[in-house]
Amino acid sequence: MSSTTSLKLSESLKATIAEVAAQAGKSAHALMVDTLQEAMDNAVLRQQFYTQAEAAYQDTLQTNLCYDMADVHAYIRERAKGANPTMPRPQAFDPAKPLARP
């Protein structure tokens, strides 16, 4: 179900929308709807990323496990070559605390 929403746009923005829409072979309305949808899709993905990152950070704080980036990159490069390298060893995020094994 769709509903009508009114936006106040400057004349210059309206002109830009009309020009871009014409070049894309779309109506100004279609261009605005597509643009808003894309912006909202990106905003949702960004929020999901932040939520996942915070959860990962909280997990790191709880387990105290982290990995050296150089070791991880080397592991990935070897896997990409088809090798079967040893997984990197976890390190303490906070050296003053013990590692919690999952």
N, C-alpha and C. Protein backbone atom coordinates (compact mmCIF):
# COMPACT_ATOMS: atom_id res chain seq x y z
N MET A 1 0.84 -1.17 0.00
CA MET A 1 0.00 0.00 0.00
C MET A 1 0.89 1.23 0.00
N SER A 2 0.62 2.16 -0.84
CA SER A 2 1.42 3.38 -0.88
C SER A 2 0.58 4.56 -0.41
N SER A 3 1.27 5.58 0.02
CA SER A 3 0.59 6.79 0.46
C SER A 3 1.32 7.99 -0.11
N THR A 4 0.65 9.11 -0.12
CA THR A 4 1.22 10.33 -0.67
C THR A 4 1.99 11.07 0.41
N THR A 5 3.18 11.53 0.04
CA THR A 5 4.01 12.34 0.92
C THR A 5 4.42 13.58 0.15
N SER A 6 4.41 14.69 0.82
CA SER A 6 4.77 15.95 0.18
C SER A 6 6.14 16.39 0.65
N LEU A 7 6.98 16.79 -0.29
CA LEU A 7 8.31 17.30 0.03
C LEU A 7 8.46 18.70 -0.56
N LYS A 8 9.06 19.57 0.21
CA LYS A 8 9.36 20.90 -0.32
C LYS A 8 10.79 20.86 -0.82
N LEU A 9 10.95 21.06 -2.13
CA LEU A 9 12.26 21.00 -2.75
C LEU A 9 12.61 22.37 -3.32
N SER A 10 13.89 22.69 -3.25
CA SER A 10 14.33 23.94 -3.86
C SER A 10 14.19 23.81 -5.38
N GLU A 11 14.10 24.94 -6.03
CA GLU A 11 13.98 24.93 -7.50
C GLU A 11 15.20 24.29 -8.14
N SER A 12 16.38 24.53 -7.58
CA SER A 12 17.58 23.95 -8.18
C SER A 12 17.59 22.43 -8.02
N LEU A 13 17.13 21.91 -6.88
CA LEU A 13 17.06 20.47 -6.70
C LEU A 13 16.04 19.87 -7.64
N LYS A 14 14.89 20.51 -7.77
CA LYS A 14 13.87 20.02 -8.69
C LYS A 14 14.41 19.96 -10.11
N ALA A 15 15.17 20.98 -10.52
CA ALA A 15 15.75 21.00 -11.86
C ALA A 15 16.76 19.87 -12.04
N THR A 16 17.58 19.64 -11.02
CA THR A 16 18.55 18.56 -11.08
C THR A 16 17.86 17.21 -11.18
N ILE A 17 16.81 17.02 -10.38
CA ILE A 17 16.05 15.77 -10.43
C ILE A 17 15.46 15.56 -11.81
N ALA A 18 14.88 16.60 -12.37
CA ALA A 18 14.27 16.50 -13.70
C ALA A 18 15.32 16.13 -14.75
N GLU A 19 16.50 16.75 -14.66
CA GLU A 19 17.57 16.49 -15.62
C GLU A 19 18.08 15.05 -15.50
N VAL A 20 18.35 14.63 -14.29
CA VAL A 20 18.87 13.28 -14.07
C VAL A 20 17.82 12.24 -14.46
N ALA A 21 16.58 12.49 -14.11
CA ALA A 21 15.50 11.56 -14.46
C ALA A 21 15.38 11.43 -15.97
N ALA A 22 15.44 12.55 -16.69
CA ALA A 22 15.35 12.51 -18.15
C ALA A 22 16.50 11.71 -18.74
N GLN A 23 17.70 11.90 -18.23
CA GLN A 23 18.86 11.16 -18.72
C GLN A 23 18.74 9.67 -18.43
N ALA A 24 18.07 9.34 -17.33
CA ALA A 24 17.88 7.93 -16.96
C ALA A 24 16.64 7.32 -17.61
N GLY A 25 15.87 8.15 -18.32
CA GLY A 25 14.66 7.64 -18.95
C GLY A 25 13.56 7.32 -17.95
N LYS A 26 13.55 8.07 -16.85
CA LYS A 26 12.56 7.87 -15.80
C LYS A 26 11.80 9.16 -15.57
N SER A 27 10.67 9.01 -14.91
CA SER A 27 9.97 10.22 -14.46
C SER A 27 10.68 10.72 -13.21
N ALA A 28 10.49 11.99 -12.88
CA ALA A 28 11.07 12.55 -11.66
C ALA A 28 10.58 11.76 -10.44
N HIS A 29 9.30 11.40 -10.44
CA HIS A 29 8.74 10.63 -9.33
C HIS A 29 9.46 9.29 -9.18
N ALA A 30 9.62 8.56 -10.30
CA ALA A 30 10.28 7.26 -10.25
C ALA A 30 11.72 7.39 -9.75
N LEU A 31 12.41 8.42 -10.23
CA LEU A 31 13.79 8.63 -9.80
C LEU A 31 13.84 8.90 -8.29
N MET A 32 12.95 9.74 -7.79
CA MET A 32 12.95 10.04 -6.35
C MET A 32 12.62 8.80 -5.53
N VAL A 33 11.64 8.02 -5.96
CA VAL A 33 11.28 6.80 -5.22
C VAL A 33 12.46 5.83 -5.22
N ASP A 34 13.07 5.63 -6.39
CA ASP A 34 14.22 4.71 -6.48
C ASP A 34 15.37 5.19 -5.60
N THR A 35 15.62 6.50 -5.63
CA THR A 35 16.72 7.07 -4.85
C THR A 35 16.46 6.92 -3.35
N LEU A 36 15.23 7.19 -2.93
CA LEU A 36 14.89 7.03 -1.52
C LEU A 36 14.99 5.57 -1.09
N GLN A 37 14.53 4.65 -1.94
CA GLN A 37 14.60 3.23 -1.61
C GLN A 37 16.05 2.79 -1.45
N GLU A 38 16.90 3.22 -2.39
CA GLU A 38 18.32 2.86 -2.32
C GLU A 38 18.96 3.44 -1.05
N ALA A 39 18.63 4.67 -0.72
CA ALA A 39 19.17 5.29 0.49
C ALA A 39 18.73 4.53 1.74
N MET A 40 17.47 4.11 1.78
CA MET A 40 16.96 3.37 2.94
C MET A 40 17.58 1.98 3.02
N ASP A 41 17.74 1.32 1.88
CA ASP A 41 18.41 0.01 1.86
C ASP A 41 19.82 0.13 2.42
N ASN A 42 20.54 1.18 2.00
CA ASN A 42 21.90 1.40 2.50
C ASN A 42 21.90 1.73 3.99
N ALA A 43 20.93 2.50 4.44
CA ALA A 43 20.84 2.85 5.86
C ALA A 43 20.59 1.61 6.71
N VAL A 44 19.73 0.72 6.23
CA VAL A 44 19.45 -0.53 6.96
C VAL A 44 20.71 -1.39 7.02
N LEU A 45 21.41 -1.51 5.90
CA LEU A 45 22.65 -2.30 5.89
C LEU A 45 23.68 -1.71 6.84
N ARG A 46 23.79 -0.38 6.86
CA ARG A 46 24.73 0.28 7.76
C ARG A 46 24.37 0.01 9.21
N GLN A 47 23.08 0.07 9.54
CA GLN A 47 22.65 -0.21 10.91
C GLN A 47 22.94 -1.66 11.28
N GLN A 48 22.70 -2.58 10.35
CA GLN A 48 23.01 -3.99 10.61
C GLN A 48 24.50 -4.18 10.85
N PHE A 49 25.31 -3.49 10.04
CA PHE A 49 26.76 -3.57 10.20
C PHE A 49 27.17 -3.10 11.59
N TYR A 50 26.65 -1.95 12.02
CA TYR A 50 26.98 -1.43 13.34
C TYR A 50 26.52 -2.37 14.45
N THR A 51 25.34 -2.95 14.29
CA THR A 51 24.83 -3.90 15.29
C THR A 51 25.73 -5.13 15.38
N GLN A 52 26.12 -5.66 14.21
CA GLN A 52 26.99 -6.84 14.19
C GLN A 52 28.38 -6.51 14.75
N ALA A 53 28.88 -5.32 14.42
CA ALA A 53 30.19 -4.92 14.92
C ALA A 53 30.17 -4.78 16.43
N GLU A 54 29.11 -4.19 16.97
CA GLU A 54 29.01 -4.04 18.42
C GLU A 54 28.91 -5.41 19.09
N ALA A 55 28.16 -6.33 18.50
CA ALA A 55 28.06 -7.68 19.06
C ALA A 55 29.42 -8.37 19.03
N ALA A 56 30.16 -8.20 17.95
CA ALA A 56 31.49 -8.81 17.86
C ALA A 56 32.43 -8.20 18.90
N TYR A 57 32.34 -6.90 19.08
CA TYR A 57 33.18 -6.23 20.08
C TYR A 57 32.84 -6.73 21.48
N GLN A 58 31.55 -6.86 21.78
CA GLN A 58 31.14 -7.36 23.10
C GLN A 58 31.63 -8.80 23.29
N ASP A 59 31.60 -9.60 22.22
CA ASP A 59 32.11 -10.97 22.29
C ASP A 59 33.61 -10.96 22.57
N THR A 60 34.33 -10.05 21.92
CA THR A 60 35.77 -9.93 22.16
C THR A 60 36.04 -9.56 23.61
N LEU A 61 35.26 -8.63 24.15
CA LEU A 61 35.45 -8.25 25.55
C LEU A 61 35.16 -9.43 26.47
N GLN A 62 34.16 -10.22 26.14
CA GLN A 62 33.78 -11.34 27.00
C GLN A 62 34.79 -12.48 26.92
N THR A 63 35.24 -12.82 25.71
CA THR A 63 36.14 -13.96 25.54
C THR A 63 37.61 -13.57 25.66
N ASN A 64 37.91 -12.29 25.43
CA ASN A 64 39.27 -11.77 25.42
C ASN A 64 40.09 -12.35 24.27
N LEU A 65 39.40 -12.90 23.25
CA LEU A 65 40.10 -13.48 22.10
C LEU A 65 40.16 -12.50 20.95
N CYS A 66 41.34 -12.38 20.35
CA CYS A 66 41.49 -11.62 19.13
C CYS A 66 42.62 -12.25 18.32
N TYR A 67 42.79 -11.80 17.10
CA TYR A 67 43.80 -12.37 16.21
C TYR A 67 44.63 -11.25 15.60
N ASP A 68 45.89 -11.51 15.40
CA ASP A 68 46.77 -10.56 14.75
C ASP A 68 46.38 -10.46 13.27
N MET A 69 46.16 -9.24 12.80
CA MET A 69 45.69 -9.04 11.44
C MET A 69 46.67 -9.61 10.41
N ALA A 70 47.96 -9.47 10.63
CA ALA A 70 48.95 -10.00 9.69
C ALA A 70 48.84 -11.52 9.60
N ASP A 71 48.60 -12.18 10.74
CA ASP A 71 48.43 -13.64 10.74
C ASP A 71 47.18 -14.05 9.97
N VAL A 72 46.10 -13.30 10.15
CA VAL A 72 44.84 -13.60 9.45
C VAL A 72 45.02 -13.40 7.95
N HIS A 73 45.66 -12.30 7.56
CA HIS A 73 45.88 -12.04 6.13
C HIS A 73 46.75 -13.14 5.51
N ALA A 74 47.79 -13.55 6.20
CA ALA A 74 48.65 -14.62 5.70
C ALA A 74 47.86 -15.92 5.55
N TYR A 75 47.02 -16.22 6.51
CA TYR A 75 46.18 -17.41 6.46
C TYR A 75 45.25 -17.38 5.25
N ILE A 76 44.61 -16.24 5.02
CA ILE A 76 43.68 -16.11 3.90
C ILE A 76 44.42 -16.23 2.57
N ARG A 77 45.61 -15.59 2.48
CA ARG A 77 46.39 -15.69 1.24
C ARG A 77 46.75 -17.14 0.94
N GLU A 78 47.16 -17.89 1.94
CA GLU A 78 47.51 -19.29 1.74
C GLU A 78 46.30 -20.13 1.34
N ARG A 79 45.16 -19.87 1.97
CA ARG A 79 43.92 -20.58 1.59
C ARG A 79 43.54 -20.28 0.15
N ALA A 80 43.72 -19.01 -0.26
CA ALA A 80 43.40 -18.61 -1.63
C ALA A 80 44.29 -19.32 -2.64
N LYS A 81 45.50 -19.67 -2.23
CA LYS A 81 46.42 -20.41 -3.11
C LYS A 81 46.10 -21.90 -3.15
N GLY A 82 45.15 -22.33 -2.31
CA GLY A 82 44.78 -23.74 -2.27
C GLY A 82 45.49 -24.52 -1.19
N ALA A 83 46.31 -23.86 -0.39
CA ALA A 83 47.02 -24.53 0.69
C ALA A 83 46.08 -24.79 1.86
N ASN A 84 46.55 -25.58 2.80
CA ASN A 84 45.78 -25.89 4.00
C ASN A 84 46.58 -25.41 5.22
N PRO A 85 46.68 -24.09 5.41
CA PRO A 85 47.52 -23.56 6.49
C PRO A 85 46.89 -23.78 7.87
N THR A 86 47.72 -23.68 8.87
CA THR A 86 47.25 -23.74 10.25
C THR A 86 46.54 -22.42 10.57
N MET A 87 45.41 -22.54 11.23
CA MET A 87 44.66 -21.34 11.60
C MET A 87 45.50 -20.49 12.55
N PRO A 88 45.33 -19.18 12.46
CA PRO A 88 46.06 -18.30 13.39
C PRO A 88 45.70 -18.61 14.84
N ARG A 89 46.65 -18.35 15.72
CA ARG A 89 46.41 -18.58 17.15
C ARG A 89 45.79 -17.33 17.76
N PRO A 90 44.79 -17.53 18.62
CA PRO A 90 44.19 -16.37 19.29
C PRO A 90 45.17 -15.73 20.26
N GLN A 91 44.99 -14.45 20.42
CA GLN A 91 45.80 -13.69 21.37
C GLN A 91 44.85 -12.99 22.34
N ALA A 92 45.41 -12.52 23.43
CA ALA A 92 44.59 -11.81 24.41
C ALA A 92 44.35 -10.38 23.94
N PHE A 93 43.09 -9.99 23.93
CA PHE A 93 42.73 -8.61 23.63
C PHE A 93 43.26 -7.71 24.73
N ASP A 94 43.07 -8.16 25.96
CA ASP A 94 43.59 -7.46 27.13
C ASP A 94 44.61 -8.39 27.78
N PRO A 95 45.91 -8.11 27.63
CA PRO A 95 46.93 -9.02 28.16
C PRO A 95 46.83 -9.28 29.66
N ALA A 96 46.14 -8.41 30.39
CA ALA A 96 46.00 -8.60 31.84
C ALA A 96 44.95 -9.64 32.19
N LYS A 97 44.18 -10.09 31.20
CA LYS A 97 43.11 -11.05 31.46
C LYS A 97 43.41 -12.37 30.75
N PRO A 98 42.87 -13.48 31.27
CA PRO A 98 43.10 -14.77 30.61
C PRO A 98 42.22 -14.90 29.36
N LEU A 99 42.65 -15.79 28.47
CA LEU A 99 41.85 -16.11 27.29
C LEU A 99 40.73 -17.05 27.68
N ALA A 100 39.56 -16.82 27.16
CA ALA A 100 38.43 -17.72 27.38
C ALA A 100 38.28 -18.55 26.13
N ARG A 101 38.36 -19.81 26.26
CA ARG A 101 38.23 -20.70 25.09
C ARG A 101 36.76 -20.96 24.81
N PRO A 102 36.35 -20.82 23.52
CA PRO A 102 34.94 -21.06 23.18
C PRO A 102 34.55 -22.51 23.32
